[in-house]
């Protein structure tokens, strides 16, 4: 059978799968509360059918989808590793000891700003938002529950902090990816980010501090309940300074730029040893926790679980690889759509057409952000927009005499940190799993995730903080 002749795809047909998917998500997710993954897969099927009518075979589409999913395998391995890690840290007492000392020593008035700053510090040191969210983020949400704080505000502060490092850390894969895609020097890129991320950081500190100081926390915190929770935690675990060893291993591995997955497994292994020796859990309980998460029923019979506060189960019963299954499904769906769309070059065509309407620096930055956010929403992935938009707009920035750091900064402002506030993306699903708070509930409080775009538009309109190409490069270009 002869292969059908390949036809160039038109802008109309390139837009159809995007419109179908976004339309279905808008109706299904927001009106009928249907999960986004089926809508994404319908968009994938639409893109595959359009590719077929333009001469591409099913094998072409399947090969493209498999190629994209293979790119997602490192993400999936990291997600599974974090599931094991959280389970191990929970049964060993590592996360509980963070909650325990947080309940004892953190002043509720300073909690929100402390949650933001701690998340930012850990994510800058480790270069991973997901790792920070799955470890210190889980502990901070546990403290928020124990202190009876507002969980949407707490989740917003934690998300903002954890994604600050993902945006600015030289160890972050997205930071390196944005610089690479735009053709910018990594450290010049990070320095240029301060024009948009710096004001956002200050806004977060001020607002979270004001909210903490002005909230009627004394009425919200039940001291007797909190003391009971502390007492319950003391009955569950033998607290020892050695329990801080697992996070120290992860921190050390990140600072010294060791491979992520081996360090996560090393930390998990150390936590398992602590659970078996220091906490005296059985090997069967540890194995069950790594797969399905920790359960209070695993505690020795000498511990009377029936007398515990209901918050104890809410705090401790989590972790395990199975808890990450929802994230796996989202990643597979998102990369399947990206694969089907890439067969005919649909996304790249749409972006190239957008550049024809650009007349000013402000418009160029705005179109870059709209394109990046749209790709992020369409693919449910924060890395793909960096690559596609970076490649599509790189020459346009150079033609206008703009330094590549302007593009790399805009990519991060509208891609990296926006992903966790788009409800159907992998990062948002992961944040919901880690915090127990719906995306639309924490979104208004995740200031760092959208203030970058506001300041990017402001600087684009005024010309402030816009770097120009050096005269030597301009002369060579002309």
Protein backbone atom coordinates (compact mmCIF):
# COMPACT_ATOMS: atom_id res chain seq x y z
CA UNK A 1 0.00 0.00 0.00
CA UNK A 2 1.51 3.35 -1.03
CA UNK A 3 1.96 5.99 1.56
CA UNK A 4 -0.41 8.96 1.30
CA UNK A 5 1.15 12.26 0.20
CA UNK A 6 1.98 14.58 3.12
CA UNK A 7 0.06 17.87 3.03
CA UNK A 8 1.12 21.04 4.83
CA UNK A 9 -1.22 21.78 7.71
CA UNK A 10 -3.11 25.09 7.71
CA UNK A 11 -3.45 27.41 10.68
CA UNK A 12 -7.13 26.50 11.00
CA UNK A 13 -6.45 22.78 11.34
CA UNK A 14 -3.47 23.44 13.62
CA UNK A 15 -5.77 25.32 16.00
CA UNK A 16 -8.63 22.78 16.00
CA UNK A 17 -7.09 20.27 18.52
CA UNK A 18 -6.13 23.14 20.84
CA UNK A 19 -9.62 24.65 20.69
CA UNK A 20 -11.28 21.25 21.15
CA UNK A 21 -9.15 20.36 24.17
CA UNK A 22 -9.39 23.76 25.88
CA UNK A 23 -13.13 23.91 25.17
CA UNK A 24 -13.74 20.46 26.64
CA UNK A 25 -11.59 21.23 29.67
CA UNK A 26 -13.43 24.51 30.23
CA UNK A 27 -16.81 22.76 30.18
CA UNK A 28 -15.91 19.38 31.67
CA UNK A 29 -13.46 20.47 34.36
CA UNK A 30 -15.03 23.72 35.52
CA UNK A 31 -18.74 22.98 34.95
CA UNK A 32 -19.13 19.24 35.46
CA UNK A 33 -16.04 18.59 37.61
CA UNK A 34 -14.73 15.95 35.18
CA UNK A 35 -11.01 15.25 35.37
CA UNK A 36 -8.89 16.92 32.67
CA UNK A 37 -7.10 13.78 31.45
CA UNK A 38 -10.01 12.42 29.34
CA UNK A 39 -10.36 15.88 27.74
CA UNK A 40 -6.66 15.94 26.92
CA UNK A 41 -6.93 12.48 25.33
CA UNK A 42 -9.88 13.64 23.20
CA UNK A 43 -7.68 16.50 22.05
CA UNK A 44 -4.99 13.93 21.27
CA UNK A 45 -7.42 11.88 19.20
CA UNK A 46 -8.50 15.02 17.33
CA UNK A 47 -4.88 15.90 16.54
CA UNK A 48 -4.22 12.31 15.37
CA UNK A 49 -7.25 12.34 13.04
CA UNK A 50 -6.21 15.69 11.55
CA UNK A 51 -2.67 14.36 11.05
CA UNK A 52 -4.12 11.29 9.30
CA UNK A 53 -6.10 13.44 6.85
CA UNK A 54 -2.93 15.39 6.11
CA UNK A 55 -1.10 12.26 5.00
CA UNK A 56 0.53 11.04 8.22
CA UNK A 57 -0.02 7.38 9.12
CA UNK A 58 -1.06 6.07 12.50
CA UNK A 59 2.47 4.70 12.88
CA UNK A 60 3.81 8.25 12.42
CA UNK A 61 1.53 9.56 15.17
CA UNK A 62 2.19 6.61 17.48
CA UNK A 63 5.94 7.01 17.00
CA UNK A 64 5.71 10.71 17.84
CA UNK A 65 3.62 9.99 20.94
CA UNK A 66 6.01 7.29 22.12
CA UNK A 67 8.94 9.64 21.53
CA UNK A 68 7.33 12.33 23.71
CA UNK A 69 6.39 9.84 26.44
CA UNK A 70 9.98 8.57 26.47
CA UNK A 71 11.00 12.17 27.23
CA UNK A 72 8.66 12.05 30.23
CA UNK A 73 10.24 8.90 31.71
CA UNK A 74 12.80 10.85 33.81
CA UNK A 75 9.91 12.87 35.27
CA UNK A 76 7.96 9.69 36.01
CA UNK A 77 10.98 8.11 37.71
CA UNK A 78 11.46 11.20 39.87
CA UNK A 79 7.76 11.23 40.80
CA UNK A 80 7.88 7.54 41.78
CA UNK A 81 11.08 8.15 43.76
CA UNK A 82 9.43 11.01 45.65
CA UNK A 83 6.47 8.72 46.45
CA UNK A 84 8.87 6.18 47.99
CA UNK A 85 10.73 9.02 49.72
CA UNK A 86 7.66 10.55 51.38
CA UNK A 87 6.53 7.14 52.63
CA UNK A 88 9.99 6.40 54.04
CA UNK A 89 10.31 9.84 55.62
CA UNK A 90 6.88 9.39 57.21
CA UNK A 91 7.44 5.96 58.76
CA UNK A 92 10.97 6.87 59.89
CA UNK A 93 9.72 9.99 61.67
CA UNK A 94 11.59 12.51 59.48
CA UNK A 95 8.53 14.50 58.38
CA UNK A 96 6.78 14.06 61.75
CA UNK A 97 9.79 15.52 63.61
CA UNK A 98 9.60 18.61 61.35
CA UNK A 99 5.91 18.92 62.17
CA UNK A 100 6.60 18.33 65.87
CA UNK A 101 9.18 21.09 66.22
CA UNK A 102 7.19 23.36 63.94
CA UNK A 103 4.17 23.05 66.21
CA UNK A 104 6.31 23.74 69.25
CA UNK A 105 8.39 26.67 68.07
CA UNK A 106 6.83 28.46 65.06
CA UNK A 107 4.84 31.52 66.08
CA UNK A 108 1.49 31.32 64.25
CA UNK A 109 1.75 35.04 63.40
CA UNK A 110 4.88 34.33 61.36
CA UNK A 111 3.75 31.01 59.90
CA UNK A 112 2.76 32.09 56.38
CA UNK A 113 5.90 34.11 55.70
CA UNK A 114 8.01 31.39 57.34
CA UNK A 115 6.41 28.76 55.08
CA UNK A 116 7.20 30.86 52.02
CA UNK A 117 10.81 31.60 53.03
CA UNK A 118 11.55 28.00 54.06
CA UNK A 119 10.12 26.65 50.81
CA UNK A 120 12.17 29.20 48.84
CA UNK A 121 15.38 28.35 50.72
CA UNK A 122 15.05 24.60 50.25
CA UNK A 123 14.07 24.88 46.58
CA UNK A 124 16.98 27.22 45.80
CA UNK A 125 19.37 24.82 47.52
CA UNK A 126 17.92 21.72 45.86
CA UNK A 127 16.80 23.14 42.52
CA UNK A 128 13.58 21.11 42.60
CA UNK A 129 10.08 22.40 43.27
CA UNK A 130 8.57 18.91 43.36
CA UNK A 131 11.17 17.60 45.79
CA UNK A 132 10.74 20.65 48.04
CA UNK A 133 6.95 20.38 47.89
CA UNK A 134 7.01 16.65 48.62
CA UNK A 135 9.26 17.03 51.66
CA UNK A 136 9.32 20.38 53.48
CA UNK A 137 6.00 21.31 51.80
CA UNK A 138 4.25 18.29 53.30
CA UNK A 139 5.73 19.10 56.71
CA UNK A 140 4.62 22.74 56.50
CA UNK A 141 1.06 21.74 55.58
CA UNK A 142 1.09 19.41 58.56
CA UNK A 143 2.13 22.30 60.80
CA UNK A 144 -0.64 24.44 59.25
CA UNK A 145 -3.21 21.79 60.15
CA UNK A 146 -1.83 21.54 63.69
CA UNK A 147 -1.91 25.32 64.17
CA UNK A 148 -5.38 25.52 62.62
CA UNK A 149 -4.15 27.97 59.98
CA UNK A 150 -5.94 28.73 56.70
CA UNK A 151 -4.93 25.85 54.42
CA UNK A 152 -5.47 27.73 51.10
CA UNK A 153 -3.20 30.58 52.29
CA UNK A 154 -0.64 28.09 53.63
CA UNK A 155 -0.68 26.12 50.37
CA UNK A 156 -0.29 29.33 48.35
CA UNK A 157 2.72 30.35 50.45
CA UNK A 158 4.33 26.91 50.14
CA UNK A 159 3.74 26.72 46.37
CA UNK A 160 5.17 30.24 45.89
CA UNK A 161 8.25 29.36 47.94
CA UNK A 162 8.91 25.99 46.30
CA UNK A 163 8.55 27.38 42.77
CA UNK A 164 10.79 30.37 43.55
CA UNK A 165 13.79 28.04 43.59
CA UNK A 166 12.57 26.16 40.53
CA UNK A 167 12.69 29.51 38.73
CA UNK A 168 15.92 30.96 40.13
CA UNK A 169 18.16 28.11 41.26
CA UNK A 170 21.20 27.30 39.08
CA UNK A 171 20.50 23.67 40.02
CA UNK A 172 16.98 23.74 38.55
CA UNK A 173 16.41 21.92 35.26
CA UNK A 174 13.80 24.47 34.14
CA UNK A 175 16.15 27.38 34.87
CA UNK A 176 18.85 25.75 32.78
CA UNK A 177 16.31 24.80 30.09
CA UNK A 178 15.00 28.37 29.75
CA UNK A 179 18.52 29.78 29.41
CA UNK A 180 19.44 27.07 26.90
CA UNK A 181 16.28 27.52 24.81
CA UNK A 182 16.77 31.29 24.59
CA UNK A 183 20.54 31.07 24.03
CA UNK A 184 21.31 32.97 27.24
CA UNK A 185 24.09 32.56 29.78
CA UNK A 186 22.72 30.77 32.86
CA UNK A 187 23.92 33.24 35.49
CA UNK A 188 23.05 36.29 33.36
CA UNK A 189 19.59 34.76 33.00
CA UNK A 190 19.21 34.34 36.77
CA UNK A 191 20.42 37.90 37.41
CA UNK A 192 17.96 39.27 34.84
CA UNK A 193 15.13 37.32 36.51
CA UNK A 194 15.45 39.58 39.55
CA UNK A 195 13.68 42.35 37.63
CA UNK A 196 10.43 40.36 37.70
CA UNK A 197 10.96 37.80 40.44
CA UNK A 198 12.51 40.21 42.96
CA UNK A 199 9.38 42.40 43.28
CA UNK A 200 7.25 39.24 43.47
CA UNK A 201 9.44 37.92 46.29
CA UNK A 202 9.01 41.20 48.22
CA UNK A 203 5.24 41.18 47.64
CA UNK A 204 5.04 37.64 49.02
CA UNK A 205 7.01 38.55 52.14
CA UNK A 206 4.89 41.65 52.81
CA UNK A 207 1.49 40.08 52.15
CA UNK A 208 2.14 36.83 54.01
CA UNK A 209 3.48 38.83 56.97
CA UNK A 210 0.46 41.17 56.99
CA UNK A 211 -1.99 38.28 56.72
CA UNK A 212 -0.27 36.54 59.65
CA UNK A 213 -0.19 39.65 61.81
CA UNK A 214 -3.78 40.74 61.10
CA UNK A 215 -5.45 37.32 61.33
CA UNK A 216 -7.30 36.52 64.54
CA UNK A 217 -4.96 33.61 65.17
CA UNK A 218 -5.48 33.53 68.92
CA UNK A 219 -9.10 32.65 68.32
CA UNK A 220 -8.29 30.13 65.63
CA UNK A 221 -5.65 28.13 67.47
CA UNK A 222 -6.90 25.77 70.13
CA UNK A 223 -3.91 25.39 72.42
CA UNK A 224 -5.30 22.28 74.11
CA UNK A 225 -5.88 20.61 70.76
CA UNK A 226 -2.37 21.51 69.61
CA UNK A 227 -0.82 20.17 72.82
CA UNK A 228 -2.81 16.96 72.36
CA UNK A 229 -1.49 16.65 68.82
CA UNK A 230 2.10 17.10 70.04
CA UNK A 231 1.50 14.44 72.66
CA UNK A 232 0.09 12.04 70.06
CA UNK A 233 3.16 12.52 67.85
CA UNK A 234 5.42 11.74 70.81
CA UNK A 235 3.57 8.45 71.28
CA UNK A 236 3.98 7.52 67.61
CA UNK A 237 7.73 8.09 67.23
CA UNK A 238 11.05 8.14 69.02
CA UNK A 239 12.29 11.60 68.08
CA UNK A 240 16.03 11.80 67.58
CA UNK A 241 18.40 14.19 65.81
CA UNK A 242 19.34 11.33 63.45
CA UNK A 243 15.95 11.76 61.78
CA UNK A 244 17.29 14.88 60.04
CA UNK A 245 19.85 12.77 58.16
CA UNK A 246 17.59 11.86 55.19
CA UNK A 247 16.87 15.51 54.20
CA UNK A 248 20.53 16.41 54.74
CA UNK A 249 21.45 13.74 52.17
CA UNK A 250 19.06 15.26 49.60
CA UNK A 251 20.34 18.76 50.34
CA UNK A 252 23.97 17.66 50.03
CA UNK A 253 23.29 15.86 46.76
CA UNK A 254 21.64 18.95 45.28
CA UNK A 255 24.38 21.37 46.36
CA UNK A 256 27.11 19.08 45.00
CA UNK A 257 25.08 18.48 41.80
CA UNK A 258 24.79 14.73 42.27
CA UNK A 259 22.25 12.82 40.14
CA UNK A 260 18.76 13.37 41.58
CA UNK A 261 17.30 9.85 41.54
CA UNK A 262 20.28 8.08 43.22
CA UNK A 263 20.27 10.69 46.00
CA UNK A 264 16.53 10.28 46.53
CA UNK A 265 16.94 6.51 46.81
CA UNK A 266 19.91 6.90 49.17
CA UNK A 267 17.84 9.17 51.39
CA UNK A 268 14.97 6.66 51.21
CA UNK A 269 17.30 3.80 52.18
CA UNK A 270 18.62 5.71 55.20
CA UNK A 271 15.05 6.53 56.26
CA UNK A 272 14.14 2.83 55.96
CA UNK A 273 17.04 1.91 58.25
CA UNK A 274 15.89 4.54 60.77
CA UNK A 275 12.34 3.17 60.65
CA UNK A 276 13.57 -0.37 61.32
CA UNK A 277 16.07 0.50 64.05
CA UNK A 278 15.04 3.73 65.74
CA UNK A 279 11.27 3.37 65.35
CA UNK A 280 11.13 -0.46 65.53
CA UNK A 281 8.66 -0.90 62.67
CA UNK A 282 8.52 -4.29 60.98
CA UNK A 283 9.99 -4.87 57.55
CA UNK A 284 6.51 -5.69 56.23
CA UNK A 285 5.16 -2.33 57.46
CA UNK A 286 8.06 -0.46 55.88
CA UNK A 287 7.54 -2.23 52.54
CA UNK A 288 3.81 -1.52 52.63
CA UNK A 289 4.49 2.16 53.39
CA UNK A 290 6.86 2.55 50.45
CA UNK A 291 4.17 1.29 48.07
CA UNK A 292 0.81 2.32 49.58
CA UNK A 293 1.76 4.93 52.18
CA UNK A 294 1.94 5.04 55.97
CA UNK A 295 -1.04 3.99 58.13
CA UNK A 296 -1.56 4.45 61.87
CA UNK A 297 -2.53 0.77 62.08
CA UNK A 298 1.17 -0.03 61.55
CA UNK A 299 2.01 1.38 64.98
CA UNK A 300 2.71 -1.10 67.80
CA UNK A 301 -0.33 -2.40 69.66
CA UNK A 302 0.96 -0.66 72.79
CA UNK A 303 0.01 2.67 71.16
CA UNK A 304 -3.69 3.38 71.64
CA UNK A 305 -4.55 4.93 68.30
CA UNK A 306 -8.24 5.27 69.19
CA UNK A 307 -7.44 8.11 71.59
CA UNK A 308 -5.62 10.16 68.95
CA UNK A 309 -6.86 13.44 67.54
CA UNK A 310 -8.46 13.07 64.07
CA UNK A 311 -5.74 15.40 62.75
CA UNK A 312 -3.07 12.75 63.39
CA UNK A 313 -4.30 10.50 60.58
CA UNK A 314 -4.67 13.52 58.33
CA UNK A 315 -1.06 14.46 59.03
CA UNK A 316 0.64 11.08 58.86
CA UNK A 317 -1.32 8.78 56.54
CA UNK A 318 0.32 9.63 53.20
CA UNK A 319 3.22 8.80 50.90
CA UNK A 320 3.94 5.72 48.80
CA UNK A 321 4.39 5.21 45.07
CA UNK A 322 0.67 4.49 44.55
CA UNK A 323 -0.22 7.99 45.76
CA UNK A 324 1.61 9.35 42.70
CA UNK A 325 -0.50 7.39 40.19
CA UNK A 326 -2.67 10.41 39.41
CA UNK A 327 0.44 12.36 38.44
CA UNK A 328 1.55 9.48 36.16
CA UNK A 329 -1.78 9.58 34.30
CA UNK A 330 -1.57 13.34 33.84
CA UNK A 331 1.99 13.17 32.51
CA UNK A 332 1.11 10.38 30.03
CA UNK A 333 -1.97 12.27 28.80
CA UNK A 334 -0.08 15.55 28.41
CA UNK A 335 2.85 14.08 26.51
CA UNK A 336 0.51 12.05 24.29
CA UNK A 337 -1.17 15.29 23.22
CA UNK A 338 2.21 16.94 22.63
CA UNK A 339 3.26 13.97 20.49
CA UNK A 340 0.11 14.04 18.37
CA UNK A 341 0.41 17.80 17.87
CA UNK A 342 4.05 17.62 16.85
CA UNK A 343 3.41 15.25 13.91
CA UNK A 344 2.23 18.08 11.67
CA UNK A 345 4.12 20.89 13.40
CA UNK A 346 0.87 22.47 14.62
CA UNK A 347 2.16 24.23 17.73
CA UNK A 348 5.17 25.69 15.96
CA UNK A 349 2.94 26.95 13.12
CA UNK A 350 0.62 28.74 15.55
CA UNK A 351 3.53 30.45 17.32
CA UNK A 352 5.16 31.56 14.06
CA UNK A 353 1.91 33.16 12.93
CA UNK A 354 1.67 35.10 16.19
CA UNK A 355 4.96 36.89 15.55
CA UNK A 356 3.51 38.59 12.47
CA UNK A 357 1.32 40.87 14.64
CA UNK A 358 4.14 42.08 16.89
CA UNK A 359 5.00 45.78 16.56
CA UNK A 360 6.72 46.70 19.88
CA UNK A 361 8.80 45.22 22.70
CA UNK A 362 5.72 45.18 24.93
CA UNK A 363 3.73 43.27 22.30
CA UNK A 364 6.58 40.82 21.75
CA UNK A 365 6.78 40.05 25.48
CA UNK A 366 2.98 39.78 25.70
CA UNK A 367 2.76 37.41 22.71
CA UNK A 368 5.62 35.33 24.13
CA UNK A 369 3.76 35.00 27.44
CA UNK A 370 0.42 34.18 25.79
CA UNK A 371 2.08 31.52 23.65
CA UNK A 372 3.98 30.00 26.59
CA UNK A 373 0.92 29.91 28.86
CA UNK A 374 -1.19 28.44 26.05
CA UNK A 375 1.32 25.68 25.33
CA UNK A 376 1.59 24.97 29.05
CA UNK A 377 -2.21 24.73 29.30
CA UNK A 378 -2.46 22.58 26.17
CA UNK A 379 0.31 20.15 27.06
CA UNK A 380 -0.07 20.20 30.87
CA UNK A 381 3.69 20.47 31.00
CA UNK A 382 5.99 23.32 32.03
CA UNK A 383 9.14 22.24 30.19
CA UNK A 384 7.78 21.90 26.65
CA UNK A 385 6.68 25.60 26.45
CA UNK A 386 10.21 26.71 27.32
CA UNK A 387 11.64 24.77 24.39
CA UNK A 388 8.94 25.57 21.82
CA UNK A 389 8.57 29.28 22.63
CA UNK A 390 12.31 29.71 23.03
CA UNK A 391 12.96 28.24 19.59
CA UNK A 392 10.08 30.14 17.99
CA UNK A 393 10.86 33.61 19.36
CA UNK A 394 14.68 33.52 19.60
CA UNK A 395 15.34 35.15 16.23
CA UNK A 396 12.60 37.74 16.70
CA UNK A 397 14.24 39.04 19.88
CA UNK A 398 17.59 39.25 18.13
CA UNK A 399 16.12 41.08 15.14
CA UNK A 400 14.78 43.72 17.51
CA UNK A 401 18.14 44.17 19.23
CA UNK A 402 16.97 42.57 22.48
CA UNK A 403 19.27 40.44 24.61
CA UNK A 404 18.38 36.77 24.90
CA UNK A 405 17.96 37.16 28.67
CA UNK A 406 14.71 39.05 28.00
CA UNK A 407 13.32 35.95 26.28
CA UNK A 408 14.65 33.48 28.87
CA UNK A 409 13.17 35.61 31.66
CA UNK A 410 9.78 35.81 29.95
CA UNK A 411 9.76 32.05 29.40
CA UNK A 412 10.19 31.45 33.12
CA UNK A 413 7.67 34.15 34.09
CA UNK A 414 4.95 32.55 31.96
CA UNK A 415 5.98 28.89 31.95
CA UNK A 416 7.88 27.53 34.92
CA UNK A 417 5.95 29.24 37.72
CA UNK A 418 2.56 29.34 35.98
CA UNK A 419 2.28 25.55 35.66
CA UNK A 420 1.22 24.91 39.31
CA UNK A 421 -1.78 27.28 39.01
CA UNK A 422 -3.24 25.67 35.86
CA UNK A 423 -5.45 22.99 37.49
CA UNK A 424 -4.92 20.16 34.98
CA UNK A 425 -1.13 20.32 34.69
CA UNK A 426 1.13 17.71 36.24
CA UNK A 427 2.53 20.23 38.73
CA UNK A 428 -0.92 21.38 39.86
CA UNK A 429 -2.12 17.80 40.33
CA UNK A 430 1.03 17.08 42.32
CA UNK A 431 0.54 20.20 44.49
CA UNK A 432 -3.04 19.18 45.23
CA UNK A 433 -1.84 15.70 46.23
CA UNK A 434 0.85 17.15 48.52
CA UNK A 435 -1.20 19.95 50.15
CA UNK A 436 -4.71 18.54 50.10
CA UNK A 437 -5.93 21.94 48.80
CA UNK A 438 -7.63 22.44 45.42
CA UNK A 439 -5.72 24.47 42.83
CA UNK A 440 -8.40 27.16 42.53
CA UNK A 441 -8.40 27.55 46.33
CA UNK A 442 -4.66 28.22 46.70
CA UNK A 443 -4.30 30.07 43.37
CA UNK A 444 -5.18 33.57 44.72
CA UNK A 445 -2.50 33.20 47.41
CA UNK A 446 0.28 31.85 45.16
CA UNK A 447 1.47 35.37 44.34
CA UNK A 448 4.86 34.40 42.91
CA UNK A 449 3.15 32.34 40.22
CA UNK A 450 1.63 35.34 38.46
CA UNK A 451 3.34 38.54 39.68
CA UNK A 452 6.24 37.79 37.33
CA UNK A 453 3.96 38.23 34.30
CA UNK A 454 2.59 41.51 35.66
CA UNK A 455 6.06 42.99 36.13
CA UNK A 456 7.21 41.59 32.76
CA UNK A 457 4.42 43.56 31.08
CA UNK A 458 5.21 46.65 33.14
CA UNK A 459 8.91 46.61 32.21
CA UNK A 460 8.04 45.83 28.58
CA UNK A 461 5.74 48.87 28.41
CA UNK A 462 8.17 51.27 30.15
CA UNK A 463 11.46 49.90 28.84
CA UNK A 464 12.79 49.51 32.37
CA UNK A 465 14.78 46.33 32.95
CA UNK A 466 14.91 45.49 29.23
CA UNK A 467 18.42 44.39 28.22
CA UNK A 468 19.71 45.33 24.77
CA UNK A 469 22.15 43.36 22.64
CA UNK A 470 25.76 44.57 23.01
CA UNK A 471 26.90 46.91 20.22
CA UNK A 472 29.35 44.29 18.93
CA UNK A 473 26.54 41.76 18.42
CA UNK A 474 24.31 44.39 16.83
CA UNK A 475 27.10 45.32 14.39
CA UNK A 476 27.65 41.65 13.48
CA UNK A 477 23.91 41.15 13.06
CA UNK A 478 23.62 44.13 10.73
